C-alpha atoms as a PDB file:
ATOM      1  CA  MET A   1     105.083 -31.551  27.672  1.00  0.00           C
ATOM      2  CA  ARG A   2     102.244 -32.702  25.478  1.00  0.00           C
ATOM      3  CA  PRO A   3     102.950 -33.243  21.850  1.00  0.00           C
ATOM      4  CA  ARG A   4     101.511 -30.724  19.482  1.00  0.00           C
ATOM      5  CA  ARG A   5      98.409 -31.961  17.711  1.00  0.00           C
ATOM      6  CA  ILE A   6      98.212 -31.924  13.970  1.00  0.00           C
ATOM      7  CA  ALA A   7      95.474 -33.014  11.559  1.00  0.00           C
ATOM      8  CA  ILE A   8      96.025 -34.098   8.015  1.00  0.00           C
ATOM      9  CA  ALA A   9      93.135 -34.152   5.350  1.00  0.00           C
ATOM     10  CA  GLY A  10      93.920 -36.794   2.861  1.00  0.00           C
ATOM     11  CA  ALA A  11      95.567 -40.033   3.544  1.00  0.00           C
ATOM     12  CA  GLY A  12      97.138 -40.638   0.169  1.00  0.00           C
ATOM     13  CA  LYS A  13     100.883 -40.974  -0.407  1.00  0.00           C
ATOM     14  CA  VAL A  14     101.440 -37.314   0.238  1.00  0.00           C
ATOM     15  CA  GLY A  15      99.397 -37.206   3.559  1.00  0.00           C
ATOM     16  CA  ARG A  16     100.837 -40.426   4.873  1.00  0.00           C
ATOM     17  CA  SER A  17     104.475 -39.282   4.127  1.00  0.00           C
ATOM     18  CA  ILE A  18     103.851 -36.046   5.988  1.00  0.00           C
ATOM     19  CA  ALA A  19     102.143 -37.737   8.797  1.00  0.00           C
ATOM     20  CA  ALA A  20     105.099 -40.304   9.099  1.00  0.00           C
ATOM     21  CA  GLU A  21     107.668 -37.380   9.379  1.00  0.00           C
ATOM     22  CA  LEU A  22     105.720 -35.490  11.819  1.00  0.00           C
ATOM     23  CA  ILE A  23     105.177 -38.593  14.120  1.00  0.00           C
ATOM     24  CA  ASP A  24     108.830 -39.235  13.855  1.00  0.00           C
ATOM     25  CA  ASN A  25     109.327 -35.684  15.026  1.00  0.00           C
ATOM     26  CA  GLY A  26     107.162 -36.001  18.061  1.00  0.00           C
ATOM     27  CA  SER A  27     103.845 -34.616  16.923  1.00  0.00           C
ATOM     28  CA  GLU A  28     100.439 -36.396  17.534  1.00  0.00           C
ATOM     29  CA  VAL A  29      98.841 -36.817  14.018  1.00  0.00           C
ATOM     30  CA  MET A  30      95.294 -37.479  13.009  1.00  0.00           C
ATOM     31  CA  LEU A  31      94.672 -38.466   9.438  1.00  0.00           C
ATOM     32  CA  ILE A  32      91.145 -37.722   7.932  1.00  0.00           C
ATOM     33  CA  GLU A  33      90.194 -39.634   4.860  1.00  0.00           C
ATOM     34  CA  ARG A  34      86.736 -40.245   3.292  1.00  0.00           C
ATOM     35  CA  ASP A  35      87.889 -43.209   1.160  1.00  0.00           C
ATOM     36  CA  PRO A  36      88.051 -46.444   3.108  1.00  0.00           C
ATOM     37  CA  ARG A  37      90.635 -47.908   0.689  1.00  0.00           C
ATOM     38  CA  LYS A  38      93.055 -45.402   1.978  1.00  0.00           C
ATOM     39  CA  ILE A  39      92.766 -46.233   5.569  1.00  0.00           C
ATOM     40  CA  ARG A  40      95.897 -48.163   6.194  1.00  0.00           C
ATOM     41  CA  THR A  41      96.263 -48.207   9.844  1.00  0.00           C
ATOM     42  CA  GLY A  42      98.961 -50.764   9.452  1.00  0.00           C
ATOM     43  CA  ALA A  43     101.049 -48.499   7.755  1.00  0.00           C
ATOM     44  CA  LEU A  44     101.031 -45.790  10.378  1.00  0.00           C
ATOM     45  CA  PRO A  45     100.054 -47.466  13.630  1.00  0.00           C
ATOM     46  CA  ARG A  46     101.079 -44.471  15.688  1.00  0.00           C
ATOM     47  CA  ALA A  47      98.698 -42.112  13.930  1.00  0.00           C
ATOM     48  CA  ASN A  48      95.134 -41.473  14.636  1.00  0.00           C
ATOM     49  CA  TRP A  49      92.719 -42.354  11.821  1.00  0.00           C
ATOM     50  CA  LEU A  50      89.258 -40.917  11.046  1.00  0.00           C
ATOM     51  CA  LEU A  51      87.218 -42.152   8.233  1.00  0.00           C
ATOM     52  CA  ALA A  52      85.408 -38.991   7.398  1.00  0.00           C
ATOM     53  CA  ASP A  53      84.560 -36.292   4.893  1.00  0.00           C
ATOM     54  CA  ALA A  54      86.946 -33.300   5.966  1.00  0.00           C
ATOM     55  CA  CYS A  55      84.703 -30.922   4.125  1.00  0.00           C
ATOM     56  CA  GLU A  56      81.905 -31.442   6.516  1.00  0.00           C
ATOM     57  CA  LEU A  57      81.786 -29.589   9.791  1.00  0.00           C
ATOM     58  CA  ALA A  58      80.579 -32.610  11.675  1.00  0.00           C
ATOM     59  CA  SER A  59      83.538 -34.553  10.648  1.00  0.00           C
ATOM     60  CA  LEU A  60      85.944 -31.829  11.739  1.00  0.00           C
ATOM     61  CA  GLU A  61      84.192 -31.577  15.123  1.00  0.00           C
ATOM     62  CA  SER A  62      84.666 -35.176  15.577  1.00  0.00           C
ATOM     63  CA  ALA A  63      88.363 -34.732  15.047  1.00  0.00           C
ATOM     64  CA  ASN A  64      88.296 -31.989  17.764  1.00  0.00           C
ATOM     65  CA  LEU A  65      90.124 -29.567  15.171  1.00  0.00           C
ATOM     66  CA  GLN A  66      89.979 -26.828  17.685  1.00  0.00           C
ATOM     67  CA  GLU A  67      92.722 -28.636  19.650  1.00  0.00           C
ATOM     68  CA  CYS A  68      95.097 -28.704  16.737  1.00  0.00           C
ATOM     69  CA  ALA A  69      98.040 -26.361  16.156  1.00  0.00           C
ATOM     70  CA  VAL A  70      98.147 -27.075  12.452  1.00  0.00           C
ATOM     71  CA  MET A  71      95.887 -28.296   9.674  1.00  0.00           C
ATOM     72  CA  VAL A  72      97.257 -29.867   6.701  1.00  0.00           C
ATOM     73  CA  ALA A  73      95.178 -30.026   3.580  1.00  0.00           C
ATOM     74  CA  ALA A  74      96.893 -32.602   1.499  1.00  0.00           C
ATOM     75  CA  THR A  75      94.252 -34.179  -0.674  1.00  0.00           C
ATOM     76  CA  GLY A  76      94.720 -34.457  -4.511  1.00  0.00           C
ATOM     77  CA  ASP A  77      91.696 -32.110  -5.000  1.00  0.00           C
ATOM     78  CA  ASP A  78      92.332 -28.340  -4.977  1.00  0.00           C
ATOM     79  CA  LYS A  79      88.554 -27.624  -4.205  1.00  0.00           C
ATOM     80  CA  VAL A  80      88.676 -29.811  -1.275  1.00  0.00           C
ATOM     81  CA  ASN A  81      91.882 -28.255   0.031  1.00  0.00           C
ATOM     82  CA  LEU A  82      90.276 -24.898  -0.080  1.00  0.00           C
ATOM     83  CA  VAL A  83      87.300 -25.718   1.594  1.00  0.00           C
ATOM     84  CA  VAL A  84      89.097 -27.790   4.424  1.00  0.00           C
ATOM     85  CA  SER A  85      91.539 -24.741   4.824  1.00  0.00           C
ATOM     86  CA  LEU A  86      88.610 -22.201   5.248  1.00  0.00           C
ATOM     87  CA  LEU A  87      86.672 -24.275   7.824  1.00  0.00           C
ATOM     88  CA  ALA A  88      89.835 -25.020   9.824  1.00  0.00           C
ATOM     89  CA  LYS A  89      90.728 -21.364  10.007  1.00  0.00           C
ATOM     90  CA  THR A  90      87.192 -19.690  10.294  1.00  0.00           C
ATOM     91  CA  GLU A  91      85.115 -22.433  12.219  1.00  0.00           C
ATOM     92  CA  PHE A  92      87.886 -23.802  14.393  1.00  0.00           C
ATOM     93  CA  GLY A  93      90.540 -21.070  14.580  1.00  0.00           C
ATOM     94  CA  VAL A  94      93.421 -23.268  13.887  1.00  0.00           C
ATOM     95  CA  PRO A  95      96.486 -21.237  14.274  1.00  0.00           C
ATOM     96  CA  ARG A  96      98.451 -22.462  11.126  1.00  0.00           C
ATOM     97  CA  VAL A  97      96.958 -23.940   7.990  1.00  0.00           C
ATOM     98  CA  VAL A  98      99.045 -25.569   5.363  1.00  0.00           C
ATOM     99  CA  ALA A  99      97.426 -26.384   1.935  1.00  0.00           C
ATOM    100  CA  ARG A 100      98.816 -28.482  -0.952  1.00  0.00           C
ATOM    101  CA  VAL A 101      98.387 -26.751  -4.313  1.00  0.00           C
ATOM    102  CA  ASN A 102      98.003 -29.540  -7.174  1.00  0.00           C
ATOM    103  CA  HIS A 103      97.397 -27.429 -10.149  1.00  0.00           C
ATOM    104  CA  PRO A 104      99.682 -24.330 -10.601  1.00  0.00           C
ATOM    105  CA  ASN A 105      96.685 -22.469 -12.044  1.00  0.00           C
ATOM    106  CA  ASN A 106      94.946 -22.532  -8.935  1.00  0.00           C
ATOM    107  CA  GLU A 107      97.745 -20.997  -6.721  1.00  0.00           C
ATOM    108  CA  TRP A 108      96.177 -17.563  -6.648  1.00  0.00           C
ATOM    109  CA  LEU A 109      93.302 -18.832  -4.792  1.00  0.00           C
ATOM    110  CA  PHE A 110      95.447 -20.284  -1.754  1.00  0.00           C
ATOM    111  CA  THR A 111      95.587 -17.145   0.095  1.00  0.00           C
ATOM    112  CA  GLU A 112      94.410 -15.854   3.620  1.00  0.00           C
ATOM    113  CA  ALA A 113      91.041 -15.208   2.204  1.00  0.00           C
ATOM    114  CA  TRP A 114      90.629 -19.026   2.050  1.00  0.00           C
ATOM    115  CA  GLY A 115      92.249 -19.424   5.366  1.00  0.00           C
ATOM    116  CA  VAL A 116      95.632 -20.573   3.952  1.00  0.00           C
ATOM    117  CA  ASP A 117      98.827 -19.645   5.816  1.00  0.00           C
ATOM    118  CA  VAL A 118     101.351 -21.424   3.757  1.00  0.00           C
ATOM    119  CA  ALA A 119     100.629 -22.909   0.134  1.00  0.00           C
ATOM    120  CA  VAL A 120     102.947 -25.533  -1.139  1.00  0.00           C
ATOM    121  CA  SER A 121     102.846 -26.169  -5.024  1.00  0.00           C
ATOM    122  CA  THR A 122     104.917 -29.208  -5.868  1.00  0.00           C
ATOM    123  CA  PRO A 123     105.125 -28.141  -9.466  1.00  0.00           C
ATOM    124  CA  ARG A 124     106.340 -24.638  -8.425  1.00  0.00           C
ATOM    125  CA  LEU A 125     108.895 -26.159  -6.021  1.00  0.00           C
ATOM    126  CA  LEU A 126     110.441 -28.373  -8.579  1.00  0.00           C
ATOM    127  CA  THR A 127     110.515 -25.558 -11.216  1.00  0.00           C
ATOM    128  CA  ALA A 128     112.204 -23.378  -8.560  1.00  0.00           C
ATOM    129  CA  LEU A 129     114.752 -26.224  -7.621  1.00  0.00           C
ATOM    130  CA  VAL A 130     115.428 -26.770 -11.292  1.00  0.00           C
ATOM    131  CA  GLU A 131     116.063 -23.212 -11.877  1.00  0.00           C
ATOM    132  CA  GLU A 132     118.322 -23.004  -8.756  1.00  0.00           C
ATOM    133  CA  ALA A 133     120.261 -25.761 -10.116  1.00  0.00           C
ATOM    134  CA  VAL A 134     121.077 -24.334 -13.336  1.00  0.00           C
ATOM    135  CA  SER A 135     121.155 -20.475 -12.679  1.00  0.00           C
ATOM    136  CA  VAL A 136     124.010 -18.483 -11.528  1.00  0.00           C
ATOM    137  CA  GLY A 137     123.508 -14.731 -10.934  1.00  0.00           C
ATOM    138  CA  ASP A 138     119.731 -15.218 -11.222  1.00  0.00           C
ATOM    139  CA  LEU A 139     117.365 -14.490  -8.242  1.00  0.00           C
ATOM    140  CA  VAL A 140     115.064 -17.643  -7.939  1.00  0.00           C
ATOM    141  CA  ARG A 141     111.985 -17.675  -5.735  1.00  0.00           C
ATOM    142  CA  LEU A 142     111.832 -20.855  -3.869  1.00  0.00           C
ATOM    143  CA  MET A 143     108.816 -20.574  -1.571  1.00  0.00           C
ATOM    144  CA  ARG A 144     106.253 -18.002  -0.542  1.00  0.00           C
ATOM    145  CA  PHE A 145     104.742 -18.103   3.029  1.00  0.00           C
ATOM    146  CA  MET A 146     102.860 -15.606   5.410  1.00  0.00           C
ATOM    147  CA  GLN A 147      99.971 -15.498   2.958  1.00  0.00           C
ATOM    148  CA  GLY A 148     102.206 -14.664   0.095  1.00  0.00           C
ATOM    149  CA  ASN A 149     103.652 -11.578   1.919  1.00  0.00           C
ATOM    150  CA  ALA A 150     107.226 -13.202   2.241  1.00  0.00           C
ATOM    151  CA  SER A 151     109.312 -15.300   0.003  1.00  0.00           C
ATOM    152  CA  LEU A 152     112.421 -17.488   0.352  1.00  0.00           C
ATOM    153  CA  VAL A 153     114.725 -16.578  -2.447  1.00  0.00           C
ATOM    154  CA  GLU A 154     118.115 -17.902  -3.595  1.00  0.00           C
ATOM    155  CA  LEU A 155     121.011 -16.464  -5.686  1.00  0.00           C
ATOM    156  CA  THR A 156     124.264 -17.964  -6.628  1.00  0.00           C
ATOM    157  CA  LEU A 157     127.141 -15.514  -6.791  1.00  0.00           C
ATOM    158  CA  ALA A 158     128.622 -15.096 -10.196  1.00  0.00           C
ATOM    159  CA  GLU A 159     132.388 -14.295 -10.434  1.00  0.00           C
ATOM    160  CA  ASP A 160     131.719 -10.767 -11.406  1.00  0.00           C
ATOM    161  CA  SER A 161     129.439 -10.100  -8.482  1.00  0.00           C
ATOM    162  CA  PRO A 162     130.465  -6.740  -6.783  1.00  0.00           C
ATOM    163  CA  VAL A 163     129.905  -8.287  -3.223  1.00  0.00           C
ATOM    164  CA  ILE A 164     132.554 -10.943  -3.446  1.00  0.00           C
ATOM    165  CA  GLY A 165     135.130 -10.519  -0.684  1.00  0.00           C
ATOM    166  CA  ARG A 166     133.279  -7.806   1.190  1.00  0.00           C
ATOM    167  CA  PRO A 167     131.753  -8.146   4.772  1.00  0.00           C
ATOM    168  CA  ILE A 168     128.035  -8.648   4.978  1.00  0.00           C
ATOM    169  CA  ALA A 169     127.816  -5.560   7.127  1.00  0.00           C
ATOM    170  CA  GLN A 170     129.081  -3.424   4.273  1.00  0.00           C
ATOM    171  CA  ILE A 171     126.532  -4.624   1.620  1.00  0.00           C
ATOM    172  CA  ALA A 172     123.488  -2.198   1.240  1.00  0.00           C
ATOM    173  CA  LEU A 173     120.655  -4.679   1.472  1.00  0.00           C
ATOM    174  CA  PRO A 174     117.114  -3.511   1.035  1.00  0.00           C
ATOM    175  CA  ALA A 175     115.225  -2.931   4.440  1.00  0.00           C
ATOM    176  CA  ASP A 176     112.752  -5.721   3.691  1.00  0.00           C
ATOM    177  CA  ALA A 177     115.362  -8.402   3.121  1.00  0.00           C
ATOM    178  CA  ALA A 178     117.422 -10.587   5.438  1.00  0.00           C
ATOM    179  CA  LEU A 179     120.151 -13.041   4.691  1.00  0.00           C
ATOM    180  CA  VAL A 180     119.387 -16.317   6.465  1.00  0.00           C
ATOM    181  CA  ALA A 181     122.031 -18.704   5.183  1.00  0.00           C
ATOM    182  CA  ILE A 182     124.933 -19.033   2.908  1.00  0.00           C
ATOM    183  CA  LEU A 183     125.616 -22.558   1.398  1.00  0.00           C
ATOM    184  CA  ARG A 184     129.258 -23.033   0.484  1.00  0.00           C
ATOM    185  CA  ASP A 185     131.079 -26.054  -0.492  1.00  0.00           C
ATOM    186  CA  GLY A 186     128.451 -28.325   1.087  1.00  0.00           C
ATOM    187  CA  ARG A 187     128.476 -26.407   4.507  1.00  0.00           C
ATOM    188  CA  VAL A 188     125.942 -23.887   5.838  1.00  0.00           C
ATOM    189  CA  VAL A 189     127.526 -20.514   6.821  1.00  0.00           C
ATOM    190  CA  LEU A 190     125.721 -18.158   9.016  1.00  0.00           C
ATOM    191  CA  PRO A 191     125.692 -14.641   7.632  1.00  0.00           C
ATOM    192  CA  SER A 192     127.224 -12.757  10.453  1.00  0.00           C
ATOM    193  CA  PRO A 193     128.108  -9.225  10.000  1.00  0.00           C
ATOM    194  CA  ASP A 194     131.769  -9.984   9.606  1.00  0.00           C
ATOM    195  CA  ALA A 195     131.359 -12.904   7.178  1.00  0.00           C
ATOM    196  CA  THR A 196     132.555 -12.382   3.565  1.00  0.00           C
ATOM    197  CA  LEU A 197     130.889 -13.664   0.373  1.00  0.00           C
ATOM    198  CA  GLU A 198     132.642 -15.815  -2.087  1.00  0.00           C
ATOM    199  CA  GLU A 199     132.110 -16.690  -5.845  1.00  0.00           C
ATOM    200  CA  GLY A 200     129.559 -19.665  -6.022  1.00  0.00           C
ATOM    201  CA  ASP A 201     128.018 -19.069  -2.700  1.00  0.00           C
ATOM    202  CA  GLU A 202     124.382 -19.786  -2.637  1.00  0.00           C
ATOM    203  CA  VAL A 203     122.783 -17.007  -0.641  1.00  0.00           C
ATOM    204  CA  LEU A 204     119.306 -17.697   0.796  1.00  0.00           C
ATOM    205  CA  ALA A 205     117.300 -14.730   1.951  1.00  0.00           C
ATOM    206  CA  VAL A 206     113.715 -13.876   3.068  1.00  0.00           C
ATOM    207  CA  VAL A 207     112.189 -10.852   1.536  1.00  0.00           C
ATOM    208  CA  THR A 208     108.908  -9.201   1.950  1.00  0.00           C
ATOM    209  CA  ALA A 209     106.648  -6.659   0.148  1.00  0.00           C
ATOM    210  CA  GLY A 210     106.919  -7.919  -3.165  1.00  0.00           C
ATOM    211  CA  ALA A 211     108.969  -8.097  -6.408  1.00  0.00           C
ATOM    212  CA  ASP A 212     110.454  -4.530  -5.861  1.00  0.00           C
ATOM    213  CA  VAL A 213     112.317  -5.883  -2.884  1.00  0.00           C
ATOM    214  CA  GLU A 214     113.471  -9.059  -4.846  1.00  0.00           C
ATOM    215  CA  GLU A 215     114.864  -6.640  -7.595  1.00  0.00           C
ATOM    216  CA  ALA A 216     116.497  -4.497  -4.969  1.00  0.00           C
ATOM    217  CA  LEU A 217     118.240  -7.472  -3.391  1.00  0.00           C
ATOM    218  CA  SER A 218     119.329  -8.931  -6.847  1.00  0.00           C
ATOM    219  CA  GLU A 219     120.742  -5.643  -7.694  1.00  0.00           C
ATOM    220  CA  ALA A 220     122.585  -5.307  -4.245  1.00  0.00           C
ATOM    221  CA  LEU A 221     124.227  -8.855  -4.945  1.00  0.00           C
ATOM    222  CA  GLY A 222     124.928  -8.278  -8.417  1.00  0.00           C
ATOM    223  CA  GLY A 223     122.221 -10.721  -9.932  1.00  0.00           C
ATOM    224  CA  THR A 224     119.173 -10.660 -12.133  1.00  0.00           C
ATOM    225  CA  PRO A 225     115.817 -10.278 -10.634  1.00  0.00           C
ATOM    226  CA  VAL A 226     113.339 -13.128 -10.835  1.00  0.00           C
ATOM    227  CA  ASP A 227     110.413 -12.557 -13.229  1.00  0.00           C
ATOM    228  CA  SER A 228     107.477 -11.108 -11.366  1.00  0.00           C
ATOM    229  CA  PRO A 229     104.623 -13.396 -10.694  1.00  0.00           C
ATOM    230  CA  PRO A 230     101.337 -13.242 -12.608  1.00  0.00           C
ATOM    231  CA  PRO A 231      98.705 -10.871 -11.047  1.00  0.00           C
ATOM    232  CA  ALA A 232      96.090 -12.422  -8.876  1.00  0.00           C
ATOM    233  CA  ARG A 233      92.761 -12.854 -10.723  1.00  0.00           C
END
C-alpha cells in the first residue's frame, strides 16, 4: 500500500517535528518553506523539500497538493496559515486541513470558511492541560475539531459524584455526548456498558452541538461545566 502523502507548510521547529513524527509513522511528507535558511535536508533526509511560498498557487501546484491526503499549515504566521488552508481546500480539494493557531485572539478565524478542518492552538492546549491537572469536578475542554462542531472534554470525578459505583449503562448521558476513555491509576479503561466509575477517574468524552451538551454532560457526571467560549466575531 502506498503511504499517504502529507504536505506541511512551514519548516520551522514545529513543522520539522511534525514531519519527523509522520515519517516515522510511515507517511510520505513534503515540507514547503520559503526561507532558504530553514531548508535543512540533513535533519530530515527522508522528507521531500520544496523551497517555495506556500501562499502561491504555483508553489502548491509544484507540490502536487491535489495528491495529498492532509495539508498542515504550521508556519508562525496566522495570516499565512489561513491562506494556505483556504487554497488547499478550495483549489486542490485536500480532504483534511490542519492549521496551527499562533495567537489565541485569532482562533475564531480558523473555521470551515477558511478551509480549516482542525485548528490547533498551542496556548489553548497548554491552558486546558493546566486546568485538567488542577481541576477535580470541573469539565475542561481539551480540543475542538470537525470545524468546531465537536470537542474533546475531560472531567475528573470528585468523591461526591453521583455516578461513582454505577454502571455506565445506567448513567443518563446527553444524546450528543459519548464517553471514549477512562484514565484510572495510569491505565486506560474502555467505557463498556457494564464498567463502573470510581472516584478520581478522568473521564474523556466527545461532545457535539455546543456548550449546552457540555453542561448536560457535566451535570450527568456531577461536575461543573466549562465556561462558554467567546462568541465568534
